[in-house]
């Protein structure tokens, strides 16, 4: 199967150079958005996530279901789509950066999803329930719950159901975003 660029090269269309330039710009901008998201996630998590894990997330994370709502949630988490108080403040839409859940700390994206005391309570409850249902114990990590990156420490037979449960938990949490 030929790429868009290869198909464009083989075509006899007019304004070929303009179309090639637009295609290259589109790809460059898309790559930049991906890199920015990956860097922000690495900063929040305190460690890099290897490229093979990101690729596995895209391959497995988006293909494990036909549900558009589930796929949408994965995209939104990866690209950090939900606006945090800090982001809204930076846009001039909010008077302060305070988290609207705990009302104590600055509401960065990662704080709102993971380090806020209210978020911690939520994810701890979800973690405990999942451990009971699976009858298996594993570490509570933001990579698992927020991005769906499941480590090798979780047996293969639990990976798919864990993916569904964590995604469902994210969807529910997002519905109560503000």
N, C-alpha and C. Protein backbone atom coordinates (compact mmCIF):
# COMPACT_ATOMS: atom_id res chain seq x y z
N UNK A 1 0.84 -1.18 0.00
CA UNK A 1 0.00 0.00 0.00
C UNK A 1 0.89 1.24 0.00
N UNK A 2 0.61 2.15 -0.88
CA UNK A 2 1.41 3.37 -1.00
C UNK A 2 0.95 4.42 -0.01
N UNK A 3 1.91 5.20 0.47
CA UNK A 3 1.58 6.31 1.36
C UNK A 3 0.96 7.44 0.55
N UNK A 4 0.38 8.42 1.25
CA UNK A 4 -0.19 9.59 0.59
C UNK A 4 0.86 10.32 -0.25
N UNK A 5 2.07 10.39 0.30
CA UNK A 5 3.14 11.09 -0.39
C UNK A 5 3.54 10.34 -1.68
N UNK A 6 3.65 9.03 -1.59
CA UNK A 6 4.00 8.23 -2.78
C UNK A 6 2.93 8.34 -3.85
N UNK A 7 1.67 8.33 -3.43
CA UNK A 7 0.58 8.46 -4.39
C UNK A 7 0.62 9.83 -5.07
N UNK A 8 0.95 10.84 -4.30
CA UNK A 8 1.04 12.19 -4.84
C UNK A 8 2.19 12.29 -5.85
N UNK A 9 3.31 11.64 -5.55
CA UNK A 9 4.46 11.65 -6.46
C UNK A 9 4.14 10.97 -7.80
N UNK A 10 3.33 9.94 -7.75
CA UNK A 10 2.98 9.19 -8.96
C UNK A 10 1.85 9.83 -9.76
N UNK A 11 1.21 10.82 -9.18
CA UNK A 11 0.05 11.42 -9.85
C UNK A 11 0.48 12.41 -10.93
N UNK A 12 -0.45 12.74 -11.77
CA UNK A 12 -0.20 13.71 -12.85
C UNK A 12 -1.00 14.99 -12.61
N UNK A 13 -1.33 15.25 -11.37
CA UNK A 13 -2.13 16.42 -11.02
C UNK A 13 -1.36 17.71 -11.22
N UNK A 14 -2.10 18.79 -11.35
CA UNK A 14 -1.49 20.11 -11.42
C UNK A 14 -1.25 20.61 -10.00
N UNK A 15 -0.41 21.60 -9.86
CA UNK A 15 -0.06 22.18 -8.56
C UNK A 15 0.50 21.12 -7.62
N UNK A 16 1.27 20.22 -8.17
CA UNK A 16 1.82 19.10 -7.42
C UNK A 16 2.73 19.57 -6.28
N UNK A 17 3.56 20.55 -6.55
CA UNK A 17 4.48 21.05 -5.54
C UNK A 17 3.73 21.63 -4.33
N UNK A 18 2.68 22.38 -4.58
CA UNK A 18 1.88 22.95 -3.49
C UNK A 18 1.24 21.85 -2.65
N UNK A 19 0.73 20.83 -3.31
CA UNK A 19 0.09 19.73 -2.59
C UNK A 19 1.10 18.95 -1.77
N UNK A 20 2.31 18.76 -2.32
CA UNK A 20 3.36 18.06 -1.58
C UNK A 20 3.76 18.87 -0.34
N UNK A 21 3.88 20.15 -0.49
CA UNK A 21 4.26 21.02 0.62
C UNK A 21 3.21 20.95 1.74
N UNK A 22 1.94 21.02 1.34
CA UNK A 22 0.85 20.94 2.33
C UNK A 22 0.88 19.61 3.06
N UNK A 23 1.12 18.53 2.33
CA UNK A 23 1.18 17.20 2.94
C UNK A 23 2.34 17.11 3.93
N UNK A 24 3.49 17.63 3.55
CA UNK A 24 4.64 17.63 4.44
C UNK A 24 4.38 18.46 5.69
N UNK A 25 3.78 19.63 5.54
CA UNK A 25 3.45 20.47 6.69
C UNK A 25 2.47 19.78 7.62
N UNK A 26 1.47 19.13 7.03
CA UNK A 26 0.47 18.43 7.84
C UNK A 26 1.15 17.36 8.69
N UNK A 27 2.03 16.58 8.10
CA UNK A 27 2.72 15.52 8.84
C UNK A 27 3.64 16.09 9.90
N UNK A 28 4.33 17.19 9.60
CA UNK A 28 5.24 17.80 10.56
C UNK A 28 4.47 18.31 11.77
N UNK A 29 3.32 18.95 11.54
CA UNK A 29 2.50 19.47 12.64
C UNK A 29 1.96 18.32 13.48
N UNK A 30 1.51 17.25 12.84
CA UNK A 30 1.00 16.09 13.57
C UNK A 30 2.09 15.47 14.43
N UNK A 31 3.31 15.32 13.88
CA UNK A 31 4.43 14.78 14.64
C UNK A 31 4.76 15.66 15.83
N UNK A 32 4.69 16.97 15.65
CA UNK A 32 4.99 17.91 16.71
C UNK A 32 4.00 17.77 17.87
N UNK A 33 2.72 17.60 17.56
CA UNK A 33 1.70 17.43 18.60
C UNK A 33 1.94 16.15 19.38
N UNK A 34 2.32 15.09 18.68
CA UNK A 34 2.61 13.81 19.33
C UNK A 34 3.81 13.96 20.25
N UNK A 35 4.88 14.58 19.76
CA UNK A 35 6.09 14.76 20.56
C UNK A 35 5.80 15.60 21.80
N UNK A 36 5.05 16.67 21.65
CA UNK A 36 4.72 17.53 22.78
C UNK A 36 3.97 16.76 23.85
N UNK A 37 3.00 15.96 23.45
CA UNK A 37 2.23 15.16 24.40
C UNK A 37 3.12 14.16 25.11
N UNK A 38 3.98 13.51 24.37
CA UNK A 38 4.87 12.51 24.96
C UNK A 38 5.82 13.16 25.97
N UNK A 39 6.32 14.32 25.65
CA UNK A 39 7.23 15.03 26.55
C UNK A 39 6.50 15.44 27.83
N UNK A 40 5.29 15.97 27.70
CA UNK A 40 4.53 16.39 28.88
C UNK A 40 4.20 15.19 29.77
N UNK A 41 3.82 14.07 29.17
CA UNK A 41 3.54 12.87 29.96
C UNK A 41 4.80 12.40 30.67
N UNK A 42 5.93 12.41 30.00
CA UNK A 42 7.19 11.99 30.63
C UNK A 42 7.54 12.90 31.80
N UNK A 43 7.34 14.20 31.65
CA UNK A 43 7.61 15.14 32.74
C UNK A 43 6.70 14.86 33.93
N UNK A 44 5.42 14.64 33.66
CA UNK A 44 4.47 14.39 34.76
C UNK A 44 4.74 13.06 35.46
N UNK A 45 5.07 12.05 34.70
CA UNK A 45 5.29 10.73 35.28
C UNK A 45 6.64 10.61 35.96
N UNK A 46 7.56 11.50 35.60
CA UNK A 46 8.88 11.48 36.21
C UNK A 46 9.84 10.52 35.54
N UNK A 47 9.46 9.97 34.40
CA UNK A 47 10.34 9.08 33.64
C UNK A 47 9.85 9.02 32.20
N UNK A 48 10.76 8.65 31.32
CA UNK A 48 10.39 8.52 29.91
C UNK A 48 9.60 7.24 29.69
N UNK A 49 8.73 7.30 28.74
CA UNK A 49 8.04 6.10 28.28
C UNK A 49 8.65 5.78 26.93
N UNK A 50 9.17 4.58 26.81
CA UNK A 50 9.88 4.19 25.59
C UNK A 50 8.93 4.19 24.40
N UNK A 51 9.49 4.45 23.23
CA UNK A 51 8.70 4.55 22.01
C UNK A 51 7.90 3.28 21.73
N UNK A 52 8.45 2.12 22.06
CA UNK A 52 7.71 0.88 21.81
C UNK A 52 6.44 0.80 22.65
N UNK A 53 6.48 1.38 23.85
CA UNK A 53 5.26 1.40 24.67
C UNK A 53 4.22 2.35 24.10
N UNK A 54 4.67 3.51 23.56
CA UNK A 54 3.74 4.43 22.91
C UNK A 54 3.11 3.76 21.70
N UNK A 55 3.94 3.07 20.92
CA UNK A 55 3.42 2.39 19.73
C UNK A 55 2.44 1.29 20.10
N UNK A 56 2.75 0.59 21.16
CA UNK A 56 1.84 -0.46 21.65
C UNK A 56 0.52 0.17 22.10
N UNK A 57 0.61 1.31 22.75
CA UNK A 57 -0.60 2.03 23.17
C UNK A 57 -1.46 2.35 21.96
N UNK A 58 -0.86 2.89 20.92
CA UNK A 58 -1.62 3.24 19.72
C UNK A 58 -2.19 2.01 19.05
N UNK A 59 -1.38 0.99 18.92
CA UNK A 59 -1.84 -0.21 18.21
C UNK A 59 -2.91 -0.95 19.01
N UNK A 60 -2.59 -1.23 20.27
CA UNK A 60 -3.51 -1.99 21.11
C UNK A 60 -4.64 -1.12 21.65
N UNK A 61 -4.28 0.08 22.09
CA UNK A 61 -5.26 0.95 22.74
C UNK A 61 -6.40 1.37 21.85
N UNK A 62 -6.11 1.58 20.58
CA UNK A 62 -7.16 2.04 19.68
C UNK A 62 -7.85 0.91 18.94
N UNK A 63 -7.28 -0.27 18.98
CA UNK A 63 -7.88 -1.39 18.24
C UNK A 63 -8.56 -2.42 19.12
N UNK A 64 -8.58 -2.20 20.43
CA UNK A 64 -9.18 -3.21 21.28
C UNK A 64 -10.70 -3.07 21.37
N UNK A 65 -11.24 -2.03 20.75
CA UNK A 65 -12.68 -1.82 20.80
C UNK A 65 -13.17 -1.13 19.52
N UNK A 66 -14.45 -1.28 19.26
CA UNK A 66 -15.07 -0.57 18.13
C UNK A 66 -15.78 0.70 18.61
N UNK A 67 -15.87 0.86 19.91
CA UNK A 67 -16.59 1.99 20.50
C UNK A 67 -15.85 3.30 20.25
N UNK A 68 -16.54 4.24 19.61
CA UNK A 68 -15.94 5.54 19.35
C UNK A 68 -15.74 6.32 20.64
N UNK A 69 -16.62 6.13 21.62
CA UNK A 69 -16.46 6.83 22.91
C UNK A 69 -15.18 6.40 23.61
N UNK A 70 -14.89 5.11 23.54
CA UNK A 70 -13.68 4.60 24.18
C UNK A 70 -12.45 5.11 23.44
N UNK A 71 -12.47 5.04 22.12
CA UNK A 71 -11.34 5.54 21.33
C UNK A 71 -11.14 7.03 21.55
N UNK A 72 -12.24 7.75 21.64
CA UNK A 72 -12.16 9.19 21.88
C UNK A 72 -11.48 9.47 23.21
N UNK A 73 -11.81 8.69 24.23
CA UNK A 73 -11.19 8.89 25.54
C UNK A 73 -9.70 8.66 25.47
N UNK A 74 -9.27 7.64 24.74
CA UNK A 74 -7.84 7.36 24.61
C UNK A 74 -7.13 8.53 23.93
N UNK A 75 -7.71 9.03 22.85
CA UNK A 75 -7.14 10.20 22.17
C UNK A 75 -7.07 11.41 23.11
N UNK A 76 -8.15 11.66 23.81
CA UNK A 76 -8.20 12.82 24.69
C UNK A 76 -7.15 12.74 25.79
N UNK A 77 -6.94 11.56 26.33
CA UNK A 77 -5.93 11.42 27.37
C UNK A 77 -4.53 11.59 26.79
N UNK A 78 -4.28 10.96 25.67
CA UNK A 78 -2.96 11.05 25.06
C UNK A 78 -2.60 12.50 24.73
N UNK A 79 -3.54 13.21 24.13
CA UNK A 79 -3.29 14.59 23.72
C UNK A 79 -3.61 15.62 24.80
N UNK A 80 -4.02 15.15 25.99
CA UNK A 80 -4.28 16.04 27.12
C UNK A 80 -5.34 17.08 26.75
N UNK A 81 -6.42 16.61 26.20
CA UNK A 81 -7.47 17.44 25.64
C UNK A 81 -8.26 18.21 26.70
N UNK A 82 -8.49 17.61 27.85
CA UNK A 82 -9.30 18.25 28.89
C UNK A 82 -8.59 19.49 29.42
N UNK A 83 -9.31 20.59 29.48
CA UNK A 83 -8.71 21.84 29.97
C UNK A 83 -8.66 21.84 31.48
N UNK A 84 -7.48 22.07 32.01
CA UNK A 84 -7.29 22.16 33.46
C UNK A 84 -7.44 23.62 33.87
N UNK A 85 -7.61 23.88 35.18
CA UNK A 85 -7.68 25.27 35.63
C UNK A 85 -6.43 26.07 35.23
N UNK A 86 -5.26 25.43 35.28
CA UNK A 86 -4.02 26.13 34.90
C UNK A 86 -4.06 26.52 33.42
N UNK A 87 -4.56 25.63 32.59
CA UNK A 87 -4.66 25.92 31.16
C UNK A 87 -5.67 27.05 30.90
N UNK A 88 -6.81 26.98 31.55
CA UNK A 88 -7.83 28.02 31.39
C UNK A 88 -7.33 29.37 31.88
N UNK A 89 -6.56 29.36 32.96
CA UNK A 89 -5.98 30.60 33.47
C UNK A 89 -5.03 31.19 32.43
N UNK A 90 -4.20 30.34 31.83
CA UNK A 90 -3.28 30.79 30.80
C UNK A 90 -3.98 31.36 29.58
N UNK A 91 -5.20 30.91 29.34
CA UNK A 91 -5.98 31.41 28.21
C UNK A 91 -6.76 32.67 28.59
N UNK A 92 -6.71 33.05 29.87
CA UNK A 92 -7.44 34.22 30.33
C UNK A 92 -8.91 33.93 30.60
N UNK A 93 -9.27 32.66 30.72
CA UNK A 93 -10.68 32.26 30.93
C UNK A 93 -11.01 32.05 32.41
N UNK A 94 -9.99 32.04 33.26
CA UNK A 94 -10.19 31.78 34.68
C UNK A 94 -9.33 32.75 35.48
N UNK A 95 -9.79 33.11 36.67
CA UNK A 95 -9.09 34.11 37.48
C UNK A 95 -7.92 33.52 38.26
N UNK A 96 -7.91 32.21 38.47
CA UNK A 96 -6.80 31.59 39.19
C UNK A 96 -6.57 30.16 38.68
N UNK A 97 -5.52 29.55 39.19
CA UNK A 97 -5.16 28.20 38.73
C UNK A 97 -5.58 27.11 39.71
N UNK A 98 -6.31 27.48 40.74
CA UNK A 98 -6.65 26.53 41.80
C UNK A 98 -7.52 25.38 41.26
N UNK A 99 -7.18 24.19 41.69
CA UNK A 99 -7.91 22.97 41.33
C UNK A 99 -9.36 23.10 41.78
N UNK A 100 -10.31 22.77 40.90
CA UNK A 100 -11.71 22.91 41.29
C UNK A 100 -12.25 21.67 42.01
N UNK A 101 -11.41 20.67 42.20
CA UNK A 101 -11.82 19.50 42.97
C UNK A 101 -11.39 19.62 44.44
N UNK A 102 -10.08 19.83 44.67
CA UNK A 102 -9.60 19.93 46.06
C UNK A 102 -9.58 21.38 46.56
N UNK A 103 -9.59 22.33 45.64
CA UNK A 103 -9.57 23.76 45.95
C UNK A 103 -8.37 24.17 46.81
N UNK A 104 -7.27 23.43 46.67
CA UNK A 104 -6.09 23.72 47.50
C UNK A 104 -4.85 24.02 46.68
N UNK A 105 -4.60 23.25 45.62
CA UNK A 105 -3.36 23.38 44.86
C UNK A 105 -3.64 23.87 43.44
N UNK A 106 -2.54 24.18 42.74
CA UNK A 106 -2.65 24.56 41.34
C UNK A 106 -3.19 23.39 40.53
N UNK A 107 -4.13 23.67 39.67
CA UNK A 107 -4.81 22.63 38.93
C UNK A 107 -4.18 22.32 37.59
N UNK A 108 -2.98 21.74 37.59
CA UNK A 108 -2.37 21.31 36.33
C UNK A 108 -3.12 20.09 35.81
N UNK A 109 -2.86 19.72 34.58
CA UNK A 109 -3.53 18.56 34.00
C UNK A 109 -3.27 17.30 34.83
N UNK A 110 -2.00 17.06 35.15
CA UNK A 110 -1.66 15.86 35.91
C UNK A 110 -2.23 15.91 37.32
N UNK A 111 -2.21 17.09 37.93
CA UNK A 111 -2.80 17.22 39.26
C UNK A 111 -4.28 16.84 39.22
N UNK A 112 -4.99 17.38 38.24
CA UNK A 112 -6.44 17.12 38.14
C UNK A 112 -6.75 15.63 37.95
N UNK A 113 -5.89 14.93 37.24
CA UNK A 113 -6.14 13.52 36.93
C UNK A 113 -5.52 12.55 37.93
N UNK A 114 -4.46 12.96 38.64
CA UNK A 114 -3.77 11.95 39.44
C UNK A 114 -3.35 12.40 40.83
N UNK A 115 -2.78 13.58 41.01
CA UNK A 115 -2.21 13.94 42.31
C UNK A 115 -3.16 14.70 43.23
N UNK A 116 -4.26 15.20 42.72
CA UNK A 116 -5.27 15.86 43.55
C UNK A 116 -5.78 14.85 44.58
N UNK A 117 -6.04 15.32 45.80
CA UNK A 117 -6.49 14.37 46.83
C UNK A 117 -7.81 13.71 46.45
N UNK A 118 -8.68 14.42 45.75
CA UNK A 118 -9.94 13.83 45.30
C UNK A 118 -9.70 12.79 44.20
N UNK A 119 -8.77 13.09 43.30
CA UNK A 119 -8.42 12.13 42.24
C UNK A 119 -7.78 10.90 42.86
N UNK A 120 -6.91 11.11 43.84
CA UNK A 120 -6.25 9.97 44.51
C UNK A 120 -7.27 9.04 45.14
N UNK A 121 -8.28 9.62 45.80
CA UNK A 121 -9.33 8.80 46.41
C UNK A 121 -10.04 7.97 45.35
N UNK A 122 -10.37 8.62 44.25
CA UNK A 122 -11.08 7.95 43.16
C UNK A 122 -10.26 6.79 42.60
N UNK A 123 -8.99 7.07 42.25
CA UNK A 123 -8.16 6.03 41.63
C UNK A 123 -7.81 4.92 42.61
N UNK A 124 -7.69 5.24 43.89
CA UNK A 124 -7.44 4.20 44.89
C UNK A 124 -8.65 3.28 44.99
N UNK A 125 -9.86 3.86 45.00
CA UNK A 125 -11.08 3.05 45.03
C UNK A 125 -11.16 2.16 43.79
N UNK A 126 -10.89 2.72 42.62
CA UNK A 126 -10.92 1.95 41.38
C UNK A 126 -9.89 0.83 41.43
N UNK A 127 -8.69 1.16 41.89
CA UNK A 127 -7.61 0.17 41.98
C UNK A 127 -7.99 -1.00 42.89
N UNK A 128 -8.54 -0.68 44.05
CA UNK A 128 -8.93 -1.73 44.99
C UNK A 128 -10.04 -2.62 44.40
N UNK A 129 -11.00 -2.01 43.74
CA UNK A 129 -12.09 -2.80 43.13
C UNK A 129 -11.57 -3.70 42.01
N UNK A 130 -10.66 -3.17 41.20
CA UNK A 130 -10.09 -3.97 40.11
C UNK A 130 -9.29 -5.14 40.68
N UNK A 131 -8.52 -4.89 41.74
CA UNK A 131 -7.76 -5.99 42.36
C UNK A 131 -8.69 -7.07 42.88
N UNK A 132 -9.82 -6.67 43.47
CA UNK A 132 -10.80 -7.66 43.96
C UNK A 132 -11.38 -8.46 42.80
N UNK A 133 -11.78 -7.76 41.75
CA UNK A 133 -12.39 -8.44 40.60
C UNK A 133 -11.43 -9.39 39.90
N UNK A 134 -10.19 -8.97 39.75
CA UNK A 134 -9.20 -9.81 39.06
C UNK A 134 -8.57 -10.85 39.98
N UNK A 135 -8.72 -10.63 41.28
CA UNK A 135 -8.06 -11.47 42.28
C UNK A 135 -6.56 -11.50 42.01
N UNK A 136 -6.05 -10.32 41.71
CA UNK A 136 -4.62 -10.16 41.40
C UNK A 136 -4.18 -8.79 41.88
N UNK A 137 -2.99 -8.73 42.48
CA UNK A 137 -2.48 -7.46 43.00
C UNK A 137 -1.37 -6.92 42.09
N UNK A 138 -1.42 -5.63 41.84
CA UNK A 138 -0.41 -4.96 41.03
C UNK A 138 -0.31 -3.52 41.51
N UNK A 139 0.77 -2.85 41.13
CA UNK A 139 1.01 -1.47 41.57
C UNK A 139 0.02 -0.52 40.90
N UNK A 140 -0.37 0.49 41.66
CA UNK A 140 -1.24 1.55 41.13
C UNK A 140 -0.33 2.61 40.50
N UNK A 141 -0.34 2.66 39.16
CA UNK A 141 0.51 3.58 38.43
C UNK A 141 -0.33 4.43 37.49
N UNK A 142 0.04 5.70 37.34
CA UNK A 142 -0.72 6.55 36.42
C UNK A 142 -0.67 6.07 34.97
N UNK A 143 0.44 5.42 34.57
CA UNK A 143 0.54 4.92 33.20
C UNK A 143 -0.58 3.94 32.88
N UNK A 144 -0.90 3.11 33.85
CA UNK A 144 -1.94 2.10 33.66
C UNK A 144 -3.31 2.77 33.60
N UNK A 145 -3.59 3.62 34.58
CA UNK A 145 -4.93 4.18 34.71
C UNK A 145 -5.22 5.34 33.76
N UNK A 146 -4.22 6.15 33.47
CA UNK A 146 -4.47 7.33 32.63
C UNK A 146 -4.18 7.09 31.15
N UNK A 147 -3.20 6.26 30.85
CA UNK A 147 -2.81 6.04 29.46
C UNK A 147 -3.12 4.64 28.94
N UNK A 148 -3.37 3.71 29.85
CA UNK A 148 -3.64 2.34 29.40
C UNK A 148 -2.39 1.57 29.04
N UNK A 149 -1.24 2.03 29.52
CA UNK A 149 0.01 1.31 29.28
C UNK A 149 0.18 0.29 30.40
N UNK A 150 -0.04 -0.95 30.06
CA UNK A 150 -0.02 -2.02 31.05
C UNK A 150 1.33 -2.73 30.98
N UNK A 151 2.00 -2.76 32.12
CA UNK A 151 3.34 -3.37 32.20
C UNK A 151 3.28 -4.88 32.09
N UNK A 152 4.47 -5.44 32.00
CA UNK A 152 4.60 -6.90 31.94
C UNK A 152 4.28 -7.56 33.28
N UNK A 153 4.22 -6.76 34.33
CA UNK A 153 3.92 -7.33 35.65
C UNK A 153 2.48 -7.84 35.75
N UNK A 154 1.61 -7.39 34.84
CA UNK A 154 0.22 -7.85 34.81
C UNK A 154 0.14 -9.00 33.81
N UNK A 155 -0.34 -10.18 34.25
CA UNK A 155 -0.42 -11.33 33.34
C UNK A 155 -1.29 -11.03 32.11
N UNK A 156 -0.93 -11.62 30.99
CA UNK A 156 -1.63 -11.38 29.72
C UNK A 156 -3.13 -11.62 29.80
N UNK A 157 -3.53 -12.61 30.57
CA UNK A 157 -4.97 -12.93 30.62
C UNK A 157 -5.80 -11.82 31.27
N UNK A 158 -5.15 -10.92 32.00
CA UNK A 158 -5.86 -9.81 32.64
C UNK A 158 -5.78 -8.50 31.86
N UNK A 159 -4.91 -8.44 30.87
CA UNK A 159 -4.64 -7.16 30.18
C UNK A 159 -5.87 -6.56 29.51
N UNK A 160 -6.61 -7.36 28.78
CA UNK A 160 -7.75 -6.82 28.03
C UNK A 160 -8.85 -6.31 28.97
N UNK A 161 -9.18 -7.10 29.96
CA UNK A 161 -10.24 -6.67 30.90
C UNK A 161 -9.76 -5.47 31.72
N UNK A 162 -8.48 -5.44 32.05
CA UNK A 162 -7.92 -4.28 32.76
C UNK A 162 -8.00 -3.04 31.89
N UNK A 163 -7.74 -3.20 30.60
CA UNK A 163 -7.84 -2.08 29.65
C UNK A 163 -9.26 -1.53 29.64
N UNK A 164 -10.25 -2.42 29.57
CA UNK A 164 -11.65 -1.99 29.57
C UNK A 164 -12.02 -1.30 30.89
N UNK A 165 -11.60 -1.86 32.00
CA UNK A 165 -11.97 -1.29 33.30
C UNK A 165 -11.33 0.07 33.52
N UNK A 166 -10.06 0.21 33.18
CA UNK A 166 -9.40 1.51 33.38
C UNK A 166 -9.96 2.57 32.43
N UNK A 167 -10.29 2.16 31.22
CA UNK A 167 -10.88 3.11 30.27
C UNK A 167 -12.25 3.56 30.76
N UNK A 168 -13.04 2.61 31.24
CA UNK A 168 -14.36 2.96 31.78
C UNK A 168 -14.21 3.92 32.96
N UNK A 169 -13.23 3.68 33.81
CA UNK A 169 -13.00 4.56 34.97
C UNK A 169 -12.61 5.97 34.51
N UNK A 170 -11.80 6.07 33.45
CA UNK A 170 -11.43 7.37 32.91
C UNK A 170 -12.63 8.10 32.33
N UNK A 171 -13.47 7.37 31.62
CA UNK A 171 -14.66 7.98 31.03
C UNK A 171 -15.56 8.55 32.13
N UNK A 172 -15.76 7.78 33.19
CA UNK A 172 -16.60 8.24 34.31
C UNK A 172 -15.95 9.46 34.98
N UNK A 173 -14.65 9.41 35.19
CA UNK A 173 -13.96 10.55 35.82
C UNK A 173 -14.06 11.80 34.95
N UNK A 174 -13.92 11.63 33.66
CA UNK A 174 -14.01 12.78 32.74
C UNK A 174 -15.38 13.40 32.74
N UNK A 175 -16.40 12.61 32.95
CA UNK A 175 -17.78 13.15 32.98
C UNK A 175 -18.00 14.06 34.17
N UNK A 176 -17.20 13.89 35.19
CA UNK A 176 -17.32 14.76 36.37
C UNK A 176 -16.13 15.71 36.43
N UNK A 177 -15.63 16.08 35.26
CA UNK A 177 -14.41 16.88 35.17
C UNK A 177 -14.48 18.17 35.97
N UNK A 178 -15.59 18.87 35.87
CA UNK A 178 -15.68 20.15 36.56
C UNK A 178 -16.78 20.12 37.59
